[in-house]
C-alpha atoms as a PDB file:
ATOM      1  CA  MET A   1       0.000   0.000   0.000  1.00  0.00           C
ATOM      2  CA  ILE A   2       1.297   3.452  -0.913  1.00  0.00           C
ATOM      3  CA  VAL A   3      -0.068   6.477   0.913  1.00  0.00           C
ATOM      4  CA  GLY A   4       0.604  10.202   0.782  1.00  0.00           C
ATOM      5  CA  VAL A   5       0.179  12.811   3.508  1.00  0.00           C
ATOM      6  CA  ILE A   6       0.215  16.460   2.486  1.00  0.00           C
ATOM      7  CA  GLY A   7       1.384  18.904   5.131  1.00  0.00           C
ATOM      8  CA  SER A   8       4.218  18.528   7.620  1.00  0.00           C
ATOM      9  CA  GLY A   9       2.822  20.937  10.199  1.00  0.00           C
ATOM     10  CA  SER A  10       0.815  20.320  13.331  1.00  0.00           C
ATOM     11  CA  ILE A  11      -0.866  17.025  12.393  1.00  0.00           C
ATOM     12  CA  GLY A  12       0.624  15.689   9.151  1.00  0.00           C
ATOM     13  CA  PRO A  13       3.744  14.092  10.676  1.00  0.00           C
ATOM     14  CA  ASP A  14       1.637  12.366  13.338  1.00  0.00           C
ATOM     15  CA  LEU A  15      -0.665  10.937  10.692  1.00  0.00           C
ATOM     16  CA  ALA A  16       2.269   9.841   8.560  1.00  0.00           C
ATOM     17  CA  TYR A  17       3.885   8.097  11.538  1.00  0.00           C
ATOM     18  CA  GLY A  18       0.658   6.310  12.425  1.00  0.00           C
ATOM     19  CA  PHE A  19       0.136   5.166   8.838  1.00  0.00           C
ATOM     20  CA  VAL A  20       3.696   4.018   8.277  1.00  0.00           C
ATOM     21  CA  SER A  21       3.654   2.110  11.576  1.00  0.00           C
ATOM     22  CA  ALA A  22       0.653   0.169  10.292  1.00  0.00           C
ATOM     23  CA  ILE A  23       1.936  -0.745   6.831  1.00  0.00           C
ATOM     24  CA  ALA A  24       5.745  -0.696   6.896  1.00  0.00           C
ATOM     25  CA  LYS A  25       5.957  -4.339   7.954  1.00  0.00           C
ATOM     26  CA  ASP A  26       4.010  -5.337   4.843  1.00  0.00           C
ATOM     27  CA  GLY A  27       6.210  -3.379   2.449  1.00  0.00           C
ATOM     28  CA  GLY A  28       4.041  -0.275   2.385  1.00  0.00           C
ATOM     29  CA  LYS A  29       5.278   3.252   1.803  1.00  0.00           C
ATOM     30  CA  VAL A  30       4.163   6.668   3.097  1.00  0.00           C
ATOM     31  CA  TYR A  31       5.135   9.928   1.414  1.00  0.00           C
ATOM     32  CA  LEU A  32       5.153  13.016   3.633  1.00  0.00           C
ATOM     33  CA  HIS A  33       4.903  16.052   1.379  1.00  0.00           C
ATOM     34  CA  ASP A  34       5.335  19.726   2.152  1.00  0.00           C
ATOM     35  CA  ILE A  35       6.413  22.712   0.080  1.00  0.00           C
ATOM     36  CA  ARG A  36       8.881  23.900   2.744  1.00  0.00           C
ATOM     37  CA  GLN A  37      12.064  22.025   3.620  1.00  0.00           C
ATOM     38  CA  GLU A  38      12.067  23.390   7.167  1.00  0.00           C
ATOM     39  CA  ALA A  39       8.580  21.966   7.730  1.00  0.00           C
ATOM     40  CA  LEU A  40       9.671  18.558   6.449  1.00  0.00           C
ATOM     41  CA  ASP A  41      12.766  18.646   8.663  1.00  0.00           C
ATOM     42  CA  ALA A  42      10.679  19.501  11.730  1.00  0.00           C
ATOM     43  CA  GLY A  43       8.144  16.802  10.917  1.00  0.00           C
ATOM     44  CA  LEU A  44      10.835  14.159  10.469  1.00  0.00           C
ATOM     45  CA  ALA A  45      12.466  15.195  13.747  1.00  0.00           C
ATOM     46  CA  ARG A  46       9.141  14.707  15.526  1.00  0.00           C
ATOM     47  CA  ILE A  47       8.670  11.269  13.964  1.00  0.00           C
ATOM     48  CA  ARG A  48      12.205  10.236  14.918  1.00  0.00           C
ATOM     49  CA  GLY A  49      11.393  11.331  18.453  1.00  0.00           C
ATOM     50  CA  TYR A  50       8.361   9.033  18.486  1.00  0.00           C
ATOM     51  CA  VAL A  51      10.466   6.139  17.174  1.00  0.00           C
ATOM     52  CA  PHE A  52      13.221   6.742  19.730  1.00  0.00           C
ATOM     53  CA  LYS A  53      10.717   6.859  22.584  1.00  0.00           C
ATOM     54  CA  ALA A  54       9.040   3.643  21.410  1.00  0.00           C
ATOM     55  CA  LEU A  55      12.435   1.919  21.127  1.00  0.00           C
ATOM     56  CA  SER A  56      13.557   3.068  24.565  1.00  0.00           C
ATOM     57  CA  ARG A  57      10.322   1.805  26.134  1.00  0.00           C
ATOM     58  CA  GLY A  58      10.487  -1.547  24.382  1.00  0.00           C
ATOM     59  CA  LYS A  59       7.329  -0.918  22.378  1.00  0.00           C
ATOM     60  CA  LEU A  60       9.130  -1.063  19.056  1.00  0.00           C
ATOM     61  CA  SER A  61      11.795  -3.486  17.873  1.00  0.00           C
ATOM     62  CA  GLU A  62      14.926  -2.429  16.026  1.00  0.00           C
ATOM     63  CA  LYS A  63      13.650  -4.284  12.969  1.00  0.00           C
ATOM     64  CA  ALA A  64      10.319  -2.446  13.064  1.00  0.00           C
ATOM     65  CA  ALA A  65      12.066   0.901  13.569  1.00  0.00           C
ATOM     66  CA  LYS A  66      14.238   0.299  10.506  1.00  0.00           C
ATOM     67  CA  ALA A  67      11.154  -0.662   8.486  1.00  0.00           C
ATOM     68  CA  VAL A  68       9.460   2.593   9.504  1.00  0.00           C
ATOM     69  CA  GLU A  69      12.514   4.631   8.531  1.00  0.00           C
ATOM     70  CA  LYS A  70      12.751   2.897   5.156  1.00  0.00           C
ATOM     71  CA  ALA A  71       9.025   3.211   4.375  1.00  0.00           C
ATOM     72  CA  LEU A  72       8.713   6.908   5.236  1.00  0.00           C
ATOM     73  CA  VAL A  73       9.615   9.147   2.295  1.00  0.00           C
ATOM     74  CA  PRO A  74       9.772  12.933   2.821  1.00  0.00           C
ATOM     75  CA  THR A  75       9.391  14.926  -0.368  1.00  0.00           C
ATOM     76  CA  LEU A  76       9.076  18.470  -1.635  1.00  0.00           C
ATOM     77  CA  ARG A  77       7.716  17.185  -4.957  1.00  0.00           C
ATOM     78  CA  ALA A  78       3.955  16.784  -5.185  1.00  0.00           C
ATOM     79  CA  GLU A  79       4.557  14.671  -8.299  1.00  0.00           C
ATOM     80  CA  ASP A  80       5.886  11.896  -6.050  1.00  0.00           C
ATOM     81  CA  LEU A  81       2.294  11.266  -4.955  1.00  0.00           C
ATOM     82  CA  ALA A  82       1.445   9.920  -8.424  1.00  0.00           C
ATOM     83  CA  GLU A  83       1.728   6.285  -7.344  1.00  0.00           C
ATOM     84  CA  CYS A  84      -0.394   6.642  -4.190  1.00  0.00           C
ATOM     85  CA  GLU A  85      -3.567   4.658  -3.576  1.00  0.00           C
ATOM     86  CA  TYR A  86      -4.681   7.193  -0.969  1.00  0.00           C
ATOM     87  CA  VAL A  87      -3.661  10.793  -0.325  1.00  0.00           C
ATOM     88  CA  LEU A  88      -4.683  12.699   2.795  1.00  0.00           C
ATOM     89  CA  GLU A  89      -4.457  16.479   2.767  1.00  0.00           C
ATOM     90  CA  ALA A  90      -3.601  17.691   6.272  1.00  0.00           C
ATOM     91  CA  ALA A  91      -2.066  21.062   5.478  1.00  0.00           C
ATOM     92  CA  THR A  92      -4.627  23.710   6.339  1.00  0.00           C
ATOM     93  CA  GLU A  93      -8.107  24.682   7.557  1.00  0.00           C
ATOM     94  CA  ASP A  94      -8.243  27.447   4.937  1.00  0.00           C
ATOM     95  CA  LEU A  95     -10.972  26.486   2.453  1.00  0.00           C
ATOM     96  CA  PRO A  96      -9.597  28.230  -0.684  1.00  0.00           C
ATOM     97  CA  ILE A  97      -6.175  26.672  -0.083  1.00  0.00           C
ATOM     98  CA  LYS A  98      -7.734  23.249   0.456  1.00  0.00           C
ATOM     99  CA  ARG A  99      -9.496  23.577  -2.891  1.00  0.00           C
ATOM    100  CA  ARG A 100      -6.249  24.571  -4.635  1.00  0.00           C
ATOM    101  CA  ILE A 101      -4.426  21.607  -3.109  1.00  0.00           C
ATOM    102  CA  LEU A 102      -7.230  19.282  -4.210  1.00  0.00           C
ATOM    103  CA  ALA A 103      -7.054  20.588  -7.771  1.00  0.00           C
ATOM    104  CA  ASN A 104      -3.317  19.918  -7.851  1.00  0.00           C
ATOM    105  CA  VAL A 105      -3.690  16.452  -6.324  1.00  0.00           C
ATOM    106  CA  GLU A 106      -6.342  15.465  -8.872  1.00  0.00           C
ATOM    107  CA  ARG A 107      -3.974  16.540 -11.636  1.00  0.00           C
ATOM    108  CA  ILE A 108      -1.206  14.278 -10.277  1.00  0.00           C
ATOM    109  CA  VAL A 109      -2.695  11.109  -8.805  1.00  0.00           C
ATOM    110  CA  ARG A 110      -3.984   8.085 -10.659  1.00  0.00           C
ATOM    111  CA  PRO A 111      -7.729   7.773 -11.433  1.00  0.00           C
ATOM    112  CA  ASP A 112      -8.458   5.261  -8.656  1.00  0.00           C
ATOM    113  CA  CYS A 113      -6.630   7.171  -5.894  1.00  0.00           C
ATOM    114  CA  LEU A 114      -8.783   8.044  -2.882  1.00  0.00           C
ATOM    115  CA  ILE A 115      -8.443  11.603  -1.576  1.00  0.00           C
ATOM    116  CA  GLY A 116      -9.108  12.581   2.020  1.00  0.00           C
ATOM    117  CA  PHE A 117      -9.247  15.922   3.792  1.00  0.00           C
ATOM    118  CA  ALA A 118      -8.229  16.251   7.442  1.00  0.00           C
ATOM    119  CA  THR A 119     -10.524  18.982   8.719  1.00  0.00           C
ATOM    120  CA  SER A 120     -12.143  19.713  12.052  1.00  0.00           C
ATOM    121  CA  GLY A 121     -15.245  21.254  10.610  1.00  0.00           C
ATOM    122  CA  ILE A 122     -15.386  22.172   6.907  1.00  0.00           C
ATOM    123  CA  PRO A 123     -18.066  20.126   5.117  1.00  0.00           C
ATOM    124  CA  ARG A 124     -16.981  17.750   2.382  1.00  0.00           C
ATOM    125  CA  ALA A 125     -19.359  19.386  -0.121  1.00  0.00           C
ATOM    126  CA  GLU A 126     -17.567  22.713   0.330  1.00  0.00           C
ATOM    127  CA  ILE A 127     -14.072  21.310  -0.111  1.00  0.00           C
ATOM    128  CA  ALA A 128     -14.924  19.073  -3.085  1.00  0.00           C
ATOM    129  CA  ARG A 129     -17.219  21.610  -4.759  1.00  0.00           C
ATOM    130  CA  ASP A 130     -14.974  22.046  -7.807  1.00  0.00           C
ATOM    131  CA  ALA A 131     -13.455  18.557  -7.870  1.00  0.00           C
ATOM    132  CA  VAL A 132     -13.216  16.727 -11.174  1.00  0.00           C
ATOM    133  CA  HIS A 133     -14.064  13.455  -9.426  1.00  0.00           C
ATOM    134  CA  PRO A 134     -15.862  14.371  -6.167  1.00  0.00           C
ATOM    135  CA  GLU A 135     -17.018  10.783  -5.717  1.00  0.00           C
ATOM    136  CA  ARG A 136     -13.492   9.811  -4.583  1.00  0.00           C
ATOM    137  CA  CYS A 137     -13.158  12.703  -2.129  1.00  0.00           C
ATOM    138  CA  PHE A 138     -13.824  12.254   1.589  1.00  0.00           C
ATOM    139  CA  VAL A 139     -13.560  14.025   4.907  1.00  0.00           C
ATOM    140  CA  ASN A 140     -11.200  12.078   7.179  1.00  0.00           C
ATOM    141  CA  HIS A 141     -11.225  13.883  10.527  1.00  0.00           C
ATOM    142  CA  PRO A 142      -8.572  12.462  12.900  1.00  0.00           C
ATOM    143  CA  PHE A 143      -8.156  13.167  16.611  1.00  0.00           C
ATOM    144  CA  TYR A 144      -5.284  14.113  18.906  1.00  0.00           C
ATOM    145  CA  PRO A 145      -2.791  12.505  19.170  1.00  0.00           C
ATOM    146  CA  ALA A 146      -3.271  11.582  15.532  1.00  0.00           C
ATOM    147  CA  TRP A 147      -0.516   8.959  15.391  1.00  0.00           C
ATOM    148  CA  ARG A 148      -2.204   6.698  17.938  1.00  0.00           C
ATOM    149  CA  SER A 149      -5.809   7.848  18.408  1.00  0.00           C
ATOM    150  CA  PRO A 150      -7.982   5.225  16.629  1.00  0.00           C
ATOM    151  CA  PRO A 151     -11.121   7.194  15.638  1.00  0.00           C
ATOM    152  CA  VAL A 152     -11.497   8.971  12.320  1.00  0.00           C
ATOM    153  CA  GLU A 153     -14.761  10.638  11.369  1.00  0.00           C
ATOM    154  CA  VAL A 154     -15.564   9.904   7.725  1.00  0.00           C
ATOM    155  CA  VAL A 155     -17.968  11.775   5.490  1.00  0.00           C
ATOM    156  CA  GLY A 156     -18.681   9.480   2.579  1.00  0.00           C
ATOM    157  CA  SER A 157     -19.364  10.359  -1.039  1.00  0.00           C
ATOM    158  CA  GLU A 158     -22.361   9.544  -3.208  1.00  0.00           C
ATOM    159  CA  ASP A 159     -20.478   6.468  -4.428  1.00  0.00           C
ATOM    160  CA  ALA A 160     -21.148   3.644  -1.948  1.00  0.00           C
ATOM    161  CA  ALA A 161     -18.408   1.400  -3.336  1.00  0.00           C
ATOM    162  CA  LEU A 162     -15.734   4.103  -3.070  1.00  0.00           C
ATOM    163  CA  THR A 163     -16.929   4.997   0.418  1.00  0.00           C
ATOM    164  CA  ALA A 164     -16.565   1.345   1.413  1.00  0.00           C
ATOM    165  CA  ARG A 165     -13.044   1.391  -0.043  1.00  0.00           C
ATOM    166  CA  MET A 166     -12.248   4.515   1.969  1.00  0.00           C
ATOM    167  CA  VAL A 167     -13.421   2.844   5.168  1.00  0.00           C
ATOM    168  CA  ALA A 168     -11.418  -0.316   4.407  1.00  0.00           C
ATOM    169  CA  THR A 169      -8.316   1.748   3.631  1.00  0.00           C
ATOM    170  CA  LEU A 170      -8.480   3.558   6.956  1.00  0.00           C
ATOM    171  CA  GLU A 171      -8.980   0.276   8.779  1.00  0.00           C
ATOM    172  CA  ARG A 172      -5.873  -1.126   7.094  1.00  0.00           C
ATOM    173  CA  LEU A 173      -4.027   1.988   8.293  1.00  0.00           C
ATOM    174  CA  GLY A 174      -4.968   1.187  11.883  1.00  0.00           C
ATOM    175  CA  LYS A 175      -7.924   3.539  12.251  1.00  0.00           C
ATOM    176  CA  VAL A 176     -11.543   3.032  13.310  1.00  0.00           C
ATOM    177  CA  PRO A 177     -13.748   4.945  10.853  1.00  0.00           C
ATOM    178  CA  ILE A 178     -16.999   6.472  12.123  1.00  0.00           C
ATOM    179  CA  ILE A 179     -19.448   7.624   9.454  1.00  0.00           C
ATOM    180  CA  THR A 180     -21.011  11.053   9.997  1.00  0.00           C
ATOM    181  CA  ALA A 181     -23.258  13.369   8.035  1.00  0.00           C
ATOM    182  CA  ASP A 182     -21.753  16.175   5.993  1.00  0.00           C
ATOM    183  CA  VAL A 183     -22.408  19.101   8.339  1.00  0.00           C
ATOM    184  CA  GLU A 184     -20.241  21.751   9.942  1.00  0.00           C
ATOM    185  CA  CYS A 185     -17.967  20.175  12.580  1.00  0.00           C
ATOM    186  CA  PHE A 186     -19.524  16.732  12.025  1.00  0.00           C
ATOM    187  CA  ALA A 187     -20.290  14.986  15.358  1.00  0.00           C
ATOM    188  CA  ALA A 188     -17.400  14.997  17.825  1.00  0.00           C
ATOM    189  CA  ASP A 189     -16.209  18.554  17.236  1.00  0.00           C
ATOM    190  CA  ASP A 190     -19.747  19.886  17.525  1.00  0.00           C
ATOM    191  CA  ILE A 191     -19.751  18.411  21.027  1.00  0.00           C
ATOM    192  CA  PHE A 192     -16.144  19.249  21.842  1.00  0.00           C
ATOM    193  CA  CYS A 193     -15.863  22.809  20.529  1.00  0.00           C
ATOM    194  CA  ASN A 194     -19.087  23.923  22.199  1.00  0.00           C
ATOM    195  CA  TYR A 195     -17.924  22.271  25.431  1.00  0.00           C
ATOM    196  CA  VAL A 196     -14.596  24.089  25.276  1.00  0.00           C
ATOM    197  CA  SER A 197     -16.277  27.379  24.379  1.00  0.00           C
ATOM    198  CA  GLU A 198     -18.597  27.156  27.379  1.00  0.00           C
ATOM    199  CA  ALA A 199     -15.590  26.504  29.628  1.00  0.00           C
ATOM    200  CA  ALA A 200     -13.863  29.551  28.131  1.00  0.00           C
ATOM    201  CA  ARG A 201     -16.983  31.691  28.711  1.00  0.00           C
ATOM    202  CA  ILE A 202     -17.046  30.654  32.355  1.00  0.00           C
ATOM    203  CA  VAL A 203     -13.467  31.864  32.759  1.00  0.00           C
ATOM    204  CA  GLN A 204     -14.116  35.022  30.743  1.00  0.00           C
ATOM    205  CA  GLU A 205     -17.088  35.873  32.971  1.00  0.00           C
ATOM    206  CA  GLY A 206     -14.971  35.438  36.090  1.00  0.00           C
ATOM    207  CA  LEU A 207     -17.159  32.658  37.498  1.00  0.00           C
ATOM    208  CA  ALA A 208     -14.171  30.322  37.901  1.00  0.00           C
ATOM    209  CA  THR A 209     -10.499  30.153  36.985  1.00  0.00           C
ATOM    210  CA  ALA A 210      -9.134  27.887  34.265  1.00  0.00           C
ATOM    211  CA  ALA A 211      -7.623  25.662  36.953  1.00  0.00           C
ATOM    212  CA  GLN A 212     -10.959  25.377  38.748  1.00  0.00           C
ATOM    213  CA  VAL A 213     -12.925  24.662  35.568  1.00  0.00           C
ATOM    214  CA  ASP A 214     -10.546  21.893  34.535  1.00  0.00           C
ATOM    215  CA  ALA A 215     -10.509  20.358  38.002  1.00  0.00           C
ATOM    216  CA  ILE A 216     -14.304  20.422  38.300  1.00  0.00           C
ATOM    217  CA  VAL A 217     -14.910  18.966  34.850  1.00  0.00           C
ATOM    218  CA  HIS A 218     -12.186  16.330  35.080  1.00  0.00           C
ATOM    219  CA  ASP A 219     -13.379  15.165  38.487  1.00  0.00           C
ATOM    220  CA  ALA A 220     -16.922  14.817  37.133  1.00  0.00           C
ATOM    221  CA  ILE A 221     -16.449  13.297  33.660  1.00  0.00           C
ATOM    222  CA  ALA A 222     -12.648  12.874  33.171  1.00  0.00           C
ATOM    223  CA  GLY A 223     -10.967  13.971  29.945  1.00  0.00           C
ATOM    224  CA  GLY A 224      -8.363  16.144  31.656  1.00  0.00           C
ATOM    225  CA  GLY A 225     -10.481  19.288  31.533  1.00  0.00           C
ATOM    226  CA  PRO A 226     -11.341  21.285  28.396  1.00  0.00           C
ATOM    227  CA  LEU A 227      -8.777  24.046  28.811  1.00  0.00           C
ATOM    228  CA  ASN A 228      -5.989  21.620  29.623  1.00  0.00           C
ATOM    229  CA  VAL A 229      -6.764  19.905  26.304  1.00  0.00           C
ATOM    230  CA  MET A 230      -6.516  23.305  24.607  1.00  0.00           C
ATOM    231  CA  ASP A 231      -3.022  23.680  26.063  1.00  0.00           C
ATOM    232  CA  LEU A 232      -1.992  20.225  24.829  1.00  0.00           C
ATOM    233  CA  THR A 233      -3.268  20.825  21.304  1.00  0.00           C
ATOM    234  CA  ARG A 234      -2.814  24.611  21.008  1.00  0.00           C
ATOM    235  CA  GLY A 235      -6.399  24.463  19.848  1.00  0.00           C
ATOM    236  CA  ASN A 236      -7.905  27.825  20.837  1.00  0.00           C
ATOM    237  CA  LEU A 237      -7.908  29.347  17.361  1.00  0.00           C
ATOM    238  CA  LEU A 238      -9.138  26.131  15.753  1.00  0.00           C
ATOM    239  CA  THR A 239     -12.001  26.024  18.257  1.00  0.00           C
ATOM    240  CA  LYS A 240     -12.807  29.634  17.387  1.00  0.00           C
ATOM    241  CA  HIS A 241     -12.833  28.680  13.704  1.00  0.00           C
ATOM    242  CA  CYS A 242     -15.194  25.765  14.349  1.00  0.00           C
ATOM    243  CA  GLN A 243     -17.558  27.951  16.363  1.00  0.00           C
ATOM    244  CA  GLU A 244     -17.688  30.393  13.467  1.00  0.00           C
ATOM    245  CA  LEU A 245     -18.468  27.549  11.053  1.00  0.00           C
ATOM    246  CA  MET A 246     -21.357  26.421  13.254  1.00  0.00           C
ATOM    247  CA  ARG A 247     -22.541  30.000  13.761  1.00  0.00           C
ATOM    248  CA  ASP A 248     -22.703  30.586  10.001  1.00  0.00           C
ATOM    249  CA  ALA A 249     -24.276  27.211   9.148  1.00  0.00           C
ATOM    250  CA  LYS A 250     -27.914  26.862   8.130  1.00  0.00           C
ATOM    251  CA  THR A 251     -28.664  25.614  11.641  1.00  0.00           C
ATOM    252  CA  GLY A 252     -26.476  28.278  13.264  1.00  0.00           C
ATOM    253  CA  SER A 253     -27.246  31.281  15.415  1.00  0.00           C
ATOM    254  CA  ALA A 254     -25.513  33.886  17.559  1.00  0.00           C
ATOM    255  CA  TRP A 255     -25.357  31.296  20.357  1.00  0.00           C
ATOM    256  CA  PHE A 256     -22.310  29.782  18.621  1.00  0.00           C
ATOM    257  CA  GLU A 257     -20.366  33.058  18.653  1.00  0.00           C
ATOM    258  CA  PRO A 258     -16.952  32.147  20.070  1.00  0.00           C
ATOM    259  CA  PRO A 259     -16.004  33.875  23.321  1.00  0.00           C
ATOM    260  CA  SER A 260     -13.385  36.539  22.702  1.00  0.00           C
ATOM    261  CA  ILE A 261     -11.021  34.974  25.224  1.00  0.00           C
ATOM    262  CA  LEU A 262     -10.253  32.153  22.769  1.00  0.00           C
ATOM    263  CA  ALA A 263      -8.611  34.633  20.407  1.00  0.00           C
ATOM    264  CA  GLU A 264      -6.997  36.492  23.306  1.00  0.00           C
ATOM    265  CA  VAL A 265      -5.289  33.339  24.576  1.00  0.00           C
ATOM    266  CA  GLY A 266      -4.616  32.341  20.955  1.00  0.00           C
ATOM    267  CA  ASN A 267      -1.613  30.057  20.677  1.00  0.00           C
ATOM    268  CA  GLY A 268      -0.752  30.698  24.303  1.00  0.00           C
ATOM    269  CA  LEU A 269      -1.595  28.647  27.371  1.00  0.00           C
ATOM    270  CA  TRP A 270      -4.435  28.684  29.853  1.00  0.00           C
ATOM    271  CA  HIS A 271      -2.165  27.198  32.523  1.00  0.00           C
ATOM    272  CA  ASN A 272       1.357  28.252  33.450  1.00  0.00           C
ATOM    273  CA  PRO A 273       3.270  24.941  33.431  1.00  0.00           C
ATOM    274  CA  LYS A 274       5.699  26.264  36.056  1.00  0.00           C
ATOM    275  CA  ALA A 275       3.027  27.588  38.395  1.00  0.00           C
ATOM    276  CA  ARG A 276      -0.377  26.043  37.790  1.00  0.00           C
ATOM    277  CA  GLY A 277      -3.255  27.863  39.390  1.00  0.00           C
ATOM    278  CA  ASP A 278      -5.150  26.719  42.446  1.00  0.00           C
ATOM    279  CA  GLY A 279      -7.781  24.275  41.252  1.00  0.00           C
ATOM    280  CA  ARG A 280      -9.558  23.885  44.581  1.00  0.00           C
ATOM    281  CA  TYR A 281     -13.278  24.529  44.476  1.00  0.00           C
ATOM    282  CA  THR A 282     -16.369  24.489  46.646  1.00  0.00           C
ATOM    283  CA  PRO A 283     -19.361  22.199  46.047  1.00  0.00           C
ATOM    284  CA  GLU A 284     -21.400  25.273  45.177  1.00  0.00           C
ATOM    285  CA  LEU A 285     -18.934  26.378  42.484  1.00  0.00           C
ATOM    286  CA  ALA A 286     -18.753  22.841  41.098  1.00  0.00           C
ATOM    287  CA  GLN A 287     -22.531  22.781  40.731  1.00  0.00           C
ATOM    288  CA  LEU A 288     -22.593  26.123  38.894  1.00  0.00           C
ATOM    289  CA  VAL A 289     -19.855  25.071  36.473  1.00  0.00           C
ATOM    290  CA  LEU A 290     -21.191  21.575  35.848  1.00  0.00           C
ATOM    291  CA  ASP A 291     -24.741  22.800  35.276  1.00  0.00           C
ATOM    292  CA  ARG A 292     -23.478  24.870  32.363  1.00  0.00           C
ATOM    293  CA  ILE A 293     -20.994  22.356  30.968  1.00  0.00           C
ATOM    294  CA  LEU A 294     -23.414  19.432  31.098  1.00  0.00           C
ATOM    295  CA  ALA A 295     -26.228  21.523  29.620  1.00  0.00           C
ATOM    296  CA  VAL A 296     -24.064  22.162  26.547  1.00  0.00           C
ATOM    297  CA  LEU A 297     -22.959  18.531  26.277  1.00  0.00           C
ATOM    298  CA  PHE A 298     -26.527  17.234  26.510  1.00  0.00           C
ATOM    299  CA  ALA A 299     -27.950  19.855  24.133  1.00  0.00           C
ATOM    300  CA  ARG A 300     -25.377  19.229  21.420  1.00  0.00           C
ATOM    301  CA  THR A 301     -25.660  15.444  21.835  1.00  0.00           C
ATOM    302  CA  LEU A 302     -29.413  15.717  21.252  1.00  0.00           C
ATOM    303  CA  PHE A 303     -28.773  17.877  18.177  1.00  0.00           C
ATOM    304  CA  VAL A 304     -26.365  15.321  16.719  1.00  0.00           C
ATOM    305  CA  ALA A 305     -28.771  12.444  17.425  1.00  0.00           C
ATOM    306  CA  ASP A 306     -31.940  14.224  16.278  1.00  0.00           C
ATOM    307  CA  ASN A 307     -30.323  15.242  13.001  1.00  0.00           C
ATOM    308  CA  ASN A 308     -28.859  11.783  12.339  1.00  0.00           C
ATOM    309  CA  ILE A 309     -25.362  13.191  12.150  1.00  0.00           C
ATOM    310  CA  CYS A 310     -23.893  10.178  13.895  1.00  0.00           C
ATOM    311  CA  ALA A 311     -25.266   7.076  15.588  1.00  0.00           C
ATOM    312  CA  PRO A 312     -25.608   7.738  19.361  1.00  0.00           C
ATOM    313  CA  ALA A 313     -23.544   4.658  20.232  1.00  0.00           C
ATOM    314  CA  ASP A 314     -20.792   5.829  17.876  1.00  0.00           C
ATOM    315  CA  LEU A 315     -20.858   9.305  19.415  1.00  0.00           C
ATOM    316  CA  ASP A 316     -20.501   7.843  22.914  1.00  0.00           C
ATOM    317  CA  TRP A 317     -17.536   5.761  21.765  1.00  0.00           C
ATOM    318  CA  LEU A 318     -15.990   8.775  20.018  1.00  0.00           C
ATOM    319  CA  SER A 319     -16.334  10.829  23.190  1.00  0.00           C
ATOM    320  CA  ARG A 320     -14.638   8.182  25.294  1.00  0.00           C
ATOM    321  CA  MET A 321     -11.846   7.477  22.829  1.00  0.00           C
ATOM    322  CA  SER A 322     -11.113  10.931  21.398  1.00  0.00           C
ATOM    323  CA  LEU A 323     -12.183  13.244  24.231  1.00  0.00           C
ATOM    324  CA  GLY A 324     -11.246  10.962  27.107  1.00  0.00           C
ATOM    325  CA  PHE A 325     -14.619  11.165  28.840  1.00  0.00           C
ATOM    326  CA  ARG A 326     -15.360   8.511  31.436  1.00  0.00           C
ATOM    327  CA  ALA A 327     -18.687   7.901  29.669  1.00  0.00           C
ATOM    328  CA  GLY A 328     -20.290   9.129  26.471  1.00  0.00           C
ATOM    329  CA  PRO A 329     -22.628  12.137  26.601  1.00  0.00           C
ATOM    330  CA  SER A 330     -25.773  10.001  26.394  1.00  0.00           C
ATOM    331  CA  GLU A 331     -24.403   7.798  29.204  1.00  0.00           C
ATOM    332  CA  LEU A 332     -23.719  10.644  31.617  1.00  0.00           C
ATOM    333  CA  GLY A 333     -26.204  11.080  34.394  1.00  0.00           C
END
């Protein structure tokens, strides 16, 4: 199997490492493509770090490590993707750029190559609007950390056979595909981004500190706390972007307006790693925070279920596996 990953930034190297770990032993190959050498160098350094850590912990043999190194091919040339059976674009959340990349990929790859888009919220119909062969184009939304997190949300095409091939391809690459409807932010990020945004609003309003919110939420439902996850993923601006997508959707409203604090924190941190805030809280504060957080989780879960965006059982599994919740939203009580 020959696979291509476009983009050696925040998520591309992780995806490439996960894919190559799954297929290197069978003679597979993964191209990691970027237009900047410094991005490729940084991505390769990250992957080598993963390999070194796995070797040092005894989770990877020397033979397997050598197979991974041999099967991973960094390249500045998009033309190298010509032999791929599957190409995943993971370069950007900018829609016009995604469309330009897709146009270039379609020009290069073979007619039966599947094309995926790693996006947290842009509908497949928008990305593939101008595609020559939209039936082979799919949303493939991975989760952090992308190299080892099993779930991938998949928005299928109108071609059932190609959609089945896409699902089988992801399974061969070690993923667990979950089919969702083609709507803004799909299923899991509808839940997650609104959950994070409500946590941010609570801090912005001065009701509780970031440390208190994370402690309260983690103690109640696990997952590490929403703002702690933002620190791990540097996800504030992406969450803002997803809120704007949901706000501007046909089903949107001003309720989805992202709190301004997300942009203010930006790529910074909610928690100072050298001096974390005091997370202690009273039962009264916990009740106030949880009433708001759980209200959002339950409301968005009902929206996803009522609109047949994702099967409720799949959403519960997604929430446990990708968000780290102790139980899925429909199982909380």
